[in-house]
Amino acid sequence: MAKDRGTPKPTTGKSSALSKVSLPQWIALGLTVLAVVFIVQNRTTVRIDLFWVSVESPLWFILAVVFLVGWVVGVLAARGRYRQRRPH
């Protein structure tokens, strides 16, 4: 039996939108869904004390703020790395 090594399989030209999503994008989507579920399940009111400031707010709001702050820090850190790699 001869093996068919170099002949590409014919394609229909149609690719689904899901096949265009990369692995890091799937991971980011999964982590985002996990964060949203966690926020929805933690809606009780809590008190946060930071130095001399005391805030009482729903836990979901505090978690959303912390999530956004983490996201901004990640974007800024990645941006700094991009600038270091770029030739001057």
N, C-alpha and C. Protein backbone atom coordinates (compact mmCIF):
# COMPACT_ATOMS: atom_id res chain seq x y z
N MET A 1 0.82 -1.18 0.00
CA MET A 1 0.00 0.00 0.00
C MET A 1 0.87 1.25 0.00
N ALA A 2 0.56 2.18 -0.84
CA ALA A 2 1.32 3.43 -0.91
C ALA A 2 0.69 4.44 0.04
N LYS A 3 1.55 5.14 0.74
CA LYS A 3 1.06 6.16 1.66
C LYS A 3 0.93 7.48 0.92
N ASP A 4 -0.11 8.19 1.22
CA ASP A 4 -0.36 9.48 0.59
C ASP A 4 0.23 10.56 1.47
N ARG A 5 1.50 10.94 1.22
CA ARG A 5 2.21 11.84 2.11
C ARG A 5 2.03 13.31 1.78
N GLY A 6 2.12 13.68 0.54
CA GLY A 6 2.17 15.10 0.23
C GLY A 6 0.92 15.66 -0.39
N THR A 7 -0.09 14.85 -0.60
CA THR A 7 -1.29 15.34 -1.24
C THR A 7 -2.21 15.97 -0.21
N PRO A 8 -2.48 17.28 -0.35
CA PRO A 8 -3.38 17.91 0.61
C PRO A 8 -4.82 17.46 0.39
N LYS A 9 -5.57 17.41 1.46
CA LYS A 9 -6.97 17.04 1.36
C LYS A 9 -7.76 18.24 0.83
N PRO A 10 -8.72 17.98 -0.01
CA PRO A 10 -9.51 19.10 -0.53
C PRO A 10 -10.35 19.73 0.58
N THR A 11 -10.44 21.04 0.53
CA THR A 11 -11.24 21.75 1.52
C THR A 11 -12.43 22.36 0.84
N THR A 12 -13.46 22.58 1.60
CA THR A 12 -14.68 23.16 1.05
C THR A 12 -14.61 24.68 1.01
N GLY A 13 -13.57 25.25 1.65
CA GLY A 13 -13.46 26.70 1.67
C GLY A 13 -14.23 27.34 2.80
N LYS A 14 -15.00 26.56 3.51
CA LYS A 14 -15.77 27.09 4.63
C LYS A 14 -15.06 26.73 5.93
N SER A 15 -14.85 27.72 6.77
CA SER A 15 -14.30 27.44 8.10
C SER A 15 -15.19 28.15 9.11
N SER A 16 -15.44 27.47 10.20
CA SER A 16 -16.33 28.04 11.20
C SER A 16 -15.61 29.14 11.97
N ALA A 17 -16.38 30.01 12.57
CA ALA A 17 -15.82 31.08 13.38
C ALA A 17 -15.09 30.52 14.60
N LEU A 18 -15.55 29.39 15.11
CA LEU A 18 -14.90 28.79 16.28
C LEU A 18 -13.52 28.26 15.95
N SER A 19 -13.29 27.84 14.72
CA SER A 19 -11.97 27.32 14.37
C SER A 19 -10.93 28.43 14.23
N LYS A 20 -11.37 29.67 14.15
CA LYS A 20 -10.45 30.80 14.03
C LYS A 20 -9.98 31.32 15.39
N VAL A 21 -10.53 30.79 16.47
CA VAL A 21 -10.16 31.23 17.81
C VAL A 21 -8.94 30.45 18.27
N SER A 22 -7.91 31.19 18.73
CA SER A 22 -6.67 30.54 19.16
C SER A 22 -6.80 30.01 20.58
N LEU A 23 -5.84 29.18 20.97
CA LEU A 23 -5.84 28.60 22.31
C LEU A 23 -5.77 29.68 23.40
N PRO A 24 -4.90 30.68 23.29
CA PRO A 24 -4.89 31.73 24.32
C PRO A 24 -6.23 32.47 24.42
N GLN A 25 -6.91 32.63 23.31
CA GLN A 25 -8.22 33.29 23.34
C GLN A 25 -9.24 32.41 24.04
N TRP A 26 -9.17 31.09 23.83
CA TRP A 26 -10.08 30.17 24.54
C TRP A 26 -9.81 30.21 26.05
N ILE A 27 -8.54 30.24 26.41
CA ILE A 27 -8.19 30.30 27.83
C ILE A 27 -8.69 31.60 28.45
N ALA A 28 -8.49 32.72 27.76
CA ALA A 28 -8.97 34.01 28.25
C ALA A 28 -10.49 34.00 28.39
N LEU A 29 -11.18 33.43 27.42
CA LEU A 29 -12.64 33.35 27.49
C LEU A 29 -13.08 32.51 28.68
N GLY A 30 -12.43 31.38 28.88
CA GLY A 30 -12.77 30.51 30.01
C GLY A 30 -12.54 31.19 31.35
N LEU A 31 -11.41 31.89 31.48
CA LEU A 31 -11.13 32.61 32.73
C LEU A 31 -12.11 33.76 32.95
N THR A 32 -12.52 34.41 31.89
CA THR A 32 -13.50 35.49 32.01
C THR A 32 -14.85 34.94 32.46
N VAL A 33 -15.27 33.84 31.86
CA VAL A 33 -16.54 33.22 32.28
C VAL A 33 -16.46 32.79 33.74
N LEU A 34 -15.33 32.21 34.13
CA LEU A 34 -15.15 31.80 35.52
C LEU A 34 -15.23 33.01 36.47
N ALA A 35 -14.61 34.12 36.09
CA ALA A 35 -14.65 35.33 36.91
C ALA A 35 -16.07 35.87 37.02
N VAL A 36 -16.80 35.86 35.92
CA VAL A 36 -18.18 36.36 35.94
C VAL A 36 -19.06 35.48 36.82
N VAL A 37 -18.92 34.17 36.73
CA VAL A 37 -19.69 33.25 37.58
C VAL A 37 -19.34 33.49 39.05
N PHE A 38 -18.07 33.67 39.35
CA PHE A 38 -17.63 33.92 40.72
C PHE A 38 -18.25 35.21 41.25
N ILE A 39 -18.27 36.24 40.42
CA ILE A 39 -18.84 37.53 40.83
C ILE A 39 -20.34 37.39 41.08
N VAL A 40 -21.04 36.70 40.20
CA VAL A 40 -22.50 36.54 40.33
C VAL A 40 -22.84 35.77 41.60
N GLN A 41 -22.01 34.82 41.98
CA GLN A 41 -22.29 34.01 43.17
C GLN A 41 -21.89 34.69 44.48
N ASN A 42 -21.23 35.82 44.41
CA ASN A 42 -20.77 36.51 45.62
C ASN A 42 -21.33 37.93 45.66
N ARG A 43 -22.63 38.02 45.96
CA ARG A 43 -23.30 39.31 45.91
C ARG A 43 -23.57 39.92 47.28
N THR A 44 -23.08 39.35 48.35
CA THR A 44 -23.34 39.90 49.68
C THR A 44 -22.55 41.20 49.88
N THR A 45 -23.01 42.02 50.82
CA THR A 45 -22.34 43.28 51.12
C THR A 45 -21.19 43.02 52.09
N VAL A 46 -20.05 43.62 51.79
CA VAL A 46 -18.87 43.45 52.63
C VAL A 46 -18.26 44.81 52.94
N ARG A 47 -17.43 44.82 53.97
CA ARG A 47 -16.73 46.04 54.35
C ARG A 47 -15.24 45.84 54.07
N ILE A 48 -14.67 46.78 53.34
CA ILE A 48 -13.26 46.73 52.99
C ILE A 48 -12.55 47.87 53.69
N ASP A 49 -11.50 47.55 54.45
CA ASP A 49 -10.69 48.56 55.12
C ASP A 49 -9.31 48.57 54.48
N LEU A 50 -8.92 49.72 53.94
CA LEU A 50 -7.61 49.88 53.34
C LEU A 50 -7.02 51.17 53.88
N PHE A 51 -6.00 51.03 54.72
CA PHE A 51 -5.38 52.15 55.41
C PHE A 51 -6.44 52.92 56.21
N TRP A 52 -6.71 54.16 55.88
CA TRP A 52 -7.67 54.96 56.62
C TRP A 52 -9.04 55.01 55.95
N VAL A 53 -9.22 54.31 54.83
CA VAL A 53 -10.48 54.32 54.09
C VAL A 53 -11.25 53.04 54.37
N SER A 54 -12.54 53.21 54.65
CA SER A 54 -13.41 52.07 54.87
C SER A 54 -14.58 52.17 53.88
N VAL A 55 -14.80 51.10 53.13
CA VAL A 55 -15.85 51.10 52.10
C VAL A 55 -16.74 49.89 52.33
N GLU A 56 -18.04 50.11 52.26
CA GLU A 56 -19.00 49.01 52.34
C GLU A 56 -19.71 48.94 51.00
N SER A 57 -19.60 47.78 50.36
CA SER A 57 -20.12 47.63 49.01
C SER A 57 -20.45 46.16 48.75
N PRO A 58 -21.27 45.89 47.74
CA PRO A 58 -21.51 44.48 47.39
C PRO A 58 -20.20 43.82 46.96
N LEU A 59 -20.04 42.58 47.36
CA LEU A 59 -18.81 41.85 47.06
C LEU A 59 -18.57 41.74 45.56
N TRP A 60 -19.64 41.60 44.76
CA TRP A 60 -19.46 41.50 43.32
C TRP A 60 -18.81 42.75 42.75
N PHE A 61 -19.15 43.92 43.31
CA PHE A 61 -18.58 45.17 42.83
C PHE A 61 -17.09 45.25 43.17
N ILE A 62 -16.74 44.86 44.39
CA ILE A 62 -15.34 44.85 44.82
C ILE A 62 -14.55 43.89 43.93
N LEU A 63 -15.11 42.71 43.67
CA LEU A 63 -14.43 41.73 42.83
C LEU A 63 -14.28 42.24 41.39
N ALA A 64 -15.30 42.92 40.88
CA ALA A 64 -15.22 43.48 39.53
C ALA A 64 -14.13 44.55 39.45
N VAL A 65 -14.03 45.39 40.48
CA VAL A 65 -13.00 46.43 40.50
C VAL A 65 -11.61 45.79 40.54
N VAL A 66 -11.44 44.79 41.38
CA VAL A 66 -10.14 44.11 41.48
C VAL A 66 -9.80 43.42 40.16
N PHE A 67 -10.79 42.81 39.53
CA PHE A 67 -10.58 42.17 38.24
C PHE A 67 -10.15 43.19 37.20
N LEU A 68 -10.81 44.34 37.15
CA LEU A 68 -10.45 45.38 36.19
C LEU A 68 -9.07 45.96 36.46
N VAL A 69 -8.74 46.14 37.72
CA VAL A 69 -7.41 46.64 38.07
C VAL A 69 -6.35 45.64 37.62
N GLY A 70 -6.59 44.37 37.85
CA GLY A 70 -5.65 43.34 37.40
C GLY A 70 -5.51 43.32 35.89
N TRP A 71 -6.62 43.50 35.20
CA TRP A 71 -6.58 43.53 33.73
C TRP A 71 -5.76 44.72 33.24
N VAL A 72 -5.97 45.89 33.84
CA VAL A 72 -5.22 47.08 33.44
C VAL A 72 -3.73 46.89 33.72
N VAL A 73 -3.38 46.33 34.85
CA VAL A 73 -1.98 46.06 35.18
C VAL A 73 -1.38 45.11 34.14
N GLY A 74 -2.12 44.08 33.75
CA GLY A 74 -1.63 43.15 32.73
C GLY A 74 -1.42 43.82 31.39
N VAL A 75 -2.34 44.68 31.00
CA VAL A 75 -2.20 45.40 29.73
C VAL A 75 -0.99 46.32 29.77
N LEU A 76 -0.83 47.04 30.87
CA LEU A 76 0.31 47.95 30.99
C LEU A 76 1.63 47.19 31.04
N ALA A 77 1.66 46.06 31.70
CA ALA A 77 2.89 45.26 31.76
C ALA A 77 3.25 44.71 30.38
N ALA A 78 2.25 44.25 29.64
CA ALA A 78 2.50 43.74 28.30
C ALA A 78 2.94 44.86 27.37
N ARG A 79 2.39 46.03 27.57
CA ARG A 79 2.76 47.18 26.75
C ARG A 79 4.21 47.57 26.99
N GLY A 80 4.65 47.51 28.23
CA GLY A 80 6.04 47.81 28.56
C GLY A 80 6.99 46.80 27.95
N ARG A 81 6.60 45.53 27.95
CA ARG A 81 7.40 44.49 27.33
C ARG A 81 7.51 44.70 25.83
N TYR A 82 6.43 45.14 25.21
CA TYR A 82 6.43 45.40 23.76
C TYR A 82 7.39 46.54 23.44
N ARG A 83 7.40 47.57 24.26
CA ARG A 83 8.29 48.70 24.01
C ARG A 83 9.75 48.31 24.16
N GLN A 84 10.07 47.40 25.07
CA GLN A 84 11.45 46.96 25.27
C GLN A 84 11.95 46.15 24.07
N ARG A 85 11.09 45.39 23.43
CA ARG A 85 11.49 44.55 22.30
C ARG A 85 11.63 45.36 21.01
N ARG A 86 10.90 46.45 20.89
CA ARG A 86 10.90 47.23 19.67
C ARG A 86 12.25 47.90 19.42
N PRO A 87 12.79 47.80 18.20
CA PRO A 87 14.05 48.47 17.92
C PRO A 87 13.87 49.98 17.91
N HIS A 88 14.87 50.71 18.37
CA HIS A 88 14.77 52.17 18.47
C HIS A 88 15.27 52.84 17.23
